[in-house]
Structure formats: structure tokens, C-alpha cells
Amino acid sequence: MIPDEYLLSPAYPNPFNPSTTIMFQLPDESNVYINIYDLQGRPIETLVNKKMDAGYHSLAWRASNMSSGMYLIRMIADDYM
């Protein structure tokens, strides 16, 4: 089954230590960029930077080398952000 819209779900678990799962869906094959930022907007890590098939996807962010705190996740896929 293919989703009918782009969606980036909240990371789970949140808060986490040392890893969290990020789930997202793509209605079409898309160039996908998923990046992690600190609260000052500085890029911390790129998790995805590739063309992906339509469907439901998940990935784990292992942040054991990161400081405790809050981080932001941004997904860009075609016209979705």
C-alpha cells in the first residue's frame, strides 16, 4: 500500500537515549533529505540524502556521541518540507 501524502512522524521514543526511530512516508519516488539540527539551526547530521521509493520508511538515529538536549529534524522530499 502506498501512502497518499508526505509525512514525517514524531521521533519515538522521545526523549531518547541513545537512539530514536524516525518514521516517514512518501507517496511518490522522491529525492529525500533528512537532517538533524541543533536549536540554533546549525546542521548536526545528515541521515538521508538519496532518491527513495514511494512507501513507508523508518530509520534509527543513534546519537550516543551527541550532547543531551533538544534537536530538530527536517525532511525535504520534492515540494514537501
N, C-alpha and C. Protein backbone atom coordinates (compact mmCIF):
# COMPACT_ATOMS: atom_id res chain seq x y z
N MET A 1 0.85 -1.18 0.00
CA MET A 1 0.00 0.00 0.00
C MET A 1 0.89 1.24 0.00
N ILE A 2 0.58 2.18 -0.85
CA ILE A 2 1.34 3.42 -0.98
C ILE A 2 0.57 4.55 -0.27
N PRO A 3 1.24 5.35 0.57
CA PRO A 3 0.55 6.46 1.23
C PRO A 3 0.11 7.52 0.22
N ASP A 4 -0.85 8.34 0.58
CA ASP A 4 -1.35 9.36 -0.33
C ASP A 4 -0.79 10.75 -0.04
N GLU A 5 0.10 10.87 0.96
CA GLU A 5 0.70 12.17 1.26
C GLU A 5 2.08 11.98 1.89
N TYR A 6 2.88 13.04 1.83
CA TYR A 6 4.16 13.07 2.52
C TYR A 6 3.90 13.27 4.01
N LEU A 7 4.70 12.61 4.84
CA LEU A 7 4.55 12.78 6.28
C LEU A 7 5.84 12.41 6.98
N LEU A 8 6.25 13.25 7.92
CA LEU A 8 7.35 12.97 8.83
C LEU A 8 6.73 12.85 10.22
N SER A 9 6.77 11.66 10.79
CA SER A 9 6.16 11.42 12.10
C SER A 9 7.12 11.85 13.21
N PRO A 10 6.59 12.15 14.41
CA PRO A 10 7.46 12.48 15.54
C PRO A 10 8.40 11.31 15.85
N ALA A 11 9.61 11.63 16.26
CA ALA A 11 10.59 10.61 16.64
C ALA A 11 10.08 9.85 17.87
N TYR A 12 10.40 8.55 17.93
CA TYR A 12 9.96 7.73 19.05
C TYR A 12 11.09 6.80 19.45
N PRO A 13 11.42 6.61 20.69
CA PRO A 13 10.89 7.36 21.83
C PRO A 13 11.48 8.77 21.89
N ASN A 14 10.79 9.61 22.59
CA ASN A 14 11.23 10.99 22.76
C ASN A 14 10.80 11.43 24.16
N PRO A 15 11.68 11.70 25.09
CA PRO A 15 13.13 11.75 24.93
C PRO A 15 13.72 10.35 24.73
N PHE A 16 14.96 10.32 24.25
CA PHE A 16 15.61 9.05 23.95
C PHE A 16 17.04 9.04 24.46
N ASN A 17 17.58 7.83 24.58
CA ASN A 17 18.97 7.66 24.97
C ASN A 17 19.36 6.22 24.67
N PRO A 18 20.21 5.93 23.76
CA PRO A 18 20.96 6.81 22.86
C PRO A 18 20.41 6.85 21.44
N SER A 19 19.29 6.15 21.14
CA SER A 19 18.79 6.19 19.76
C SER A 19 17.28 6.39 19.73
N THR A 20 16.81 6.89 18.60
CA THR A 20 15.39 7.11 18.39
C THR A 20 15.04 6.69 16.97
N THR A 21 13.78 6.34 16.74
CA THR A 21 13.32 5.92 15.42
C THR A 21 12.55 7.05 14.77
N ILE A 22 12.86 7.29 13.51
CA ILE A 22 12.19 8.33 12.72
C ILE A 22 11.45 7.64 11.59
N MET A 23 10.12 7.82 11.56
CA MET A 23 9.30 7.20 10.52
C MET A 23 8.77 8.29 9.59
N PHE A 24 8.72 7.96 8.29
CA PHE A 24 8.21 8.90 7.30
C PHE A 24 7.59 8.14 6.14
N GLN A 25 6.77 8.85 5.39
CA GLN A 25 6.10 8.21 4.25
C GLN A 25 6.20 9.10 3.02
N LEU A 26 6.26 8.43 1.87
CA LEU A 26 6.40 9.11 0.58
C LEU A 26 5.34 8.58 -0.38
N PRO A 27 4.51 9.44 -0.96
CA PRO A 27 3.50 8.97 -1.91
C PRO A 27 4.08 8.69 -3.30
N ASP A 28 5.26 9.23 -3.59
CA ASP A 28 5.91 9.07 -4.88
C ASP A 28 7.40 8.84 -4.66
N GLU A 29 8.06 8.27 -5.66
CA GLU A 29 9.51 8.21 -5.62
C GLU A 29 10.02 9.64 -5.51
N SER A 30 10.94 9.89 -4.59
CA SER A 30 11.35 11.26 -4.28
C SER A 30 12.82 11.32 -3.92
N ASN A 31 13.42 12.47 -4.17
CA ASN A 31 14.74 12.78 -3.61
C ASN A 31 14.49 13.23 -2.18
N VAL A 32 15.05 12.52 -1.22
CA VAL A 32 14.77 12.75 0.20
C VAL A 32 16.02 13.22 0.92
N TYR A 33 15.85 14.26 1.72
CA TYR A 33 16.91 14.79 2.57
C TYR A 33 16.34 14.86 3.99
N ILE A 34 16.96 14.18 4.91
CA ILE A 34 16.57 14.27 6.32
C ILE A 34 17.81 14.68 7.10
N ASN A 35 17.69 15.82 7.79
CA ASN A 35 18.80 16.39 8.52
C ASN A 35 18.41 16.67 9.96
N ILE A 36 19.41 16.62 10.84
CA ILE A 36 19.24 16.94 12.25
C ILE A 36 19.92 18.29 12.49
N TYR A 37 19.26 19.16 13.27
CA TYR A 37 19.78 20.50 13.59
C TYR A 37 19.74 20.71 15.09
N ASP A 38 20.66 21.54 15.59
CA ASP A 38 20.56 21.95 16.98
C ASP A 38 19.57 23.11 17.07
N LEU A 39 19.31 23.60 18.28
CA LEU A 39 18.30 24.65 18.46
C LEU A 39 18.73 26.00 17.90
N GLN A 40 20.00 26.16 17.57
CA GLN A 40 20.45 27.39 16.91
C GLN A 40 20.35 27.28 15.39
N GLY A 41 19.85 26.15 14.90
CA GLY A 41 19.67 25.96 13.47
C GLY A 41 20.90 25.46 12.75
N ARG A 42 21.93 25.08 13.49
CA ARG A 42 23.14 24.55 12.87
C ARG A 42 22.95 23.09 12.51
N PRO A 43 23.34 22.69 11.29
CA PRO A 43 23.22 21.29 10.92
C PRO A 43 24.16 20.43 11.76
N ILE A 44 23.63 19.32 12.25
CA ILE A 44 24.38 18.40 13.10
C ILE A 44 24.74 17.13 12.34
N GLU A 45 23.75 16.58 11.62
CA GLU A 45 23.97 15.31 10.93
C GLU A 45 22.97 15.15 9.79
N THR A 46 23.42 14.58 8.70
CA THR A 46 22.54 14.22 7.58
C THR A 46 22.26 12.73 7.70
N LEU A 47 20.97 12.38 7.80
CA LEU A 47 20.57 10.99 7.93
C LEU A 47 20.24 10.36 6.59
N VAL A 48 19.64 11.15 5.68
CA VAL A 48 19.26 10.65 4.36
C VAL A 48 19.57 11.73 3.34
N ASN A 49 20.12 11.30 2.20
CA ASN A 49 20.36 12.19 1.07
C ASN A 49 20.40 11.32 -0.17
N LYS A 50 19.20 10.86 -0.60
CA LYS A 50 19.14 9.95 -1.74
C LYS A 50 17.72 9.86 -2.29
N LYS A 51 17.60 9.28 -3.46
CA LYS A 51 16.29 9.00 -4.06
C LYS A 51 15.73 7.76 -3.38
N MET A 52 14.45 7.85 -3.00
CA MET A 52 13.81 6.73 -2.31
C MET A 52 12.48 6.40 -2.97
N ASP A 53 12.10 5.14 -2.89
CA ASP A 53 10.84 4.67 -3.44
C ASP A 53 9.66 5.16 -2.61
N ALA A 54 8.50 5.24 -3.23
CA ALA A 54 7.27 5.55 -2.51
C ALA A 54 7.01 4.45 -1.48
N GLY A 55 6.40 4.86 -0.36
CA GLY A 55 6.05 3.88 0.66
C GLY A 55 6.34 4.40 2.06
N TYR A 56 6.33 3.47 3.01
CA TYR A 56 6.56 3.77 4.41
C TYR A 56 8.00 3.41 4.75
N HIS A 57 8.68 4.30 5.45
CA HIS A 57 10.09 4.11 5.76
C HIS A 57 10.36 4.45 7.22
N SER A 58 11.42 3.88 7.76
CA SER A 58 11.88 4.25 9.09
C SER A 58 13.39 4.14 9.14
N LEU A 59 13.98 4.91 10.04
CA LEU A 59 15.42 4.85 10.25
C LEU A 59 15.69 5.15 11.70
N ALA A 60 16.84 4.71 12.16
CA ALA A 60 17.24 4.97 13.54
C ALA A 60 18.32 6.03 13.54
N TRP A 61 18.20 7.00 14.46
CA TRP A 61 19.26 7.97 14.68
C TRP A 61 19.93 7.59 15.98
N ARG A 62 21.18 7.21 15.88
CA ARG A 62 21.98 6.87 17.05
C ARG A 62 22.81 8.09 17.42
N ALA A 63 22.46 8.69 18.53
CA ALA A 63 23.06 9.97 18.92
C ALA A 63 23.91 9.84 20.18
N SER A 64 24.53 8.70 20.36
CA SER A 64 25.31 8.48 21.58
C SER A 64 26.50 9.43 21.69
N ASN A 65 26.96 9.98 20.57
CA ASN A 65 28.08 10.93 20.61
C ASN A 65 27.62 12.38 20.70
N MET A 66 26.32 12.62 20.85
CA MET A 66 25.77 13.97 20.93
C MET A 66 25.51 14.36 22.38
N SER A 67 25.53 15.66 22.64
CA SER A 67 25.20 16.18 23.96
C SER A 67 23.71 15.99 24.24
N SER A 68 23.35 15.87 25.49
CA SER A 68 21.93 15.84 25.85
C SER A 68 21.31 17.17 25.47
N GLY A 69 20.07 17.13 25.05
CA GLY A 69 19.39 18.36 24.68
C GLY A 69 18.33 18.12 23.63
N MET A 70 17.85 19.20 23.07
CA MET A 70 16.79 19.14 22.06
C MET A 70 17.40 19.30 20.68
N TYR A 71 16.84 18.56 19.73
CA TYR A 71 17.29 18.61 18.34
C TYR A 71 16.06 18.70 17.44
N LEU A 72 16.24 19.23 16.26
CA LEU A 72 15.17 19.37 15.27
C LEU A 72 15.46 18.46 14.09
N ILE A 73 14.40 17.90 13.52
CA ILE A 73 14.51 17.05 12.34
C ILE A 73 13.79 17.75 11.20
N ARG A 74 14.44 17.83 10.03
CA ARG A 74 13.79 18.42 8.86
C ARG A 74 13.89 17.43 7.70
N MET A 75 12.76 17.20 7.06
CA MET A 75 12.72 16.35 5.88
C MET A 75 12.30 17.18 4.69
N ILE A 76 13.04 17.08 3.62
CA ILE A 76 12.67 17.69 2.36
C ILE A 76 12.52 16.55 1.35
N ALA A 77 11.38 16.50 0.68
CA ALA A 77 11.12 15.49 -0.34
C ALA A 77 10.29 16.15 -1.42
N ASP A 78 10.91 16.41 -2.56
CA ASP A 78 10.25 17.16 -3.63
C ASP A 78 9.73 18.48 -3.09
N ASP A 79 8.42 18.76 -3.14
CA ASP A 79 7.88 20.04 -2.67
C ASP A 79 7.52 20.03 -1.18
N TYR A 80 7.70 18.91 -0.51
CA TYR A 80 7.35 18.79 0.92
C TYR A 80 8.54 19.21 1.78
N MET A 81 8.26 19.99 2.83
CA MET A 81 9.27 20.28 3.83
C MET A 81 8.57 20.36 5.18
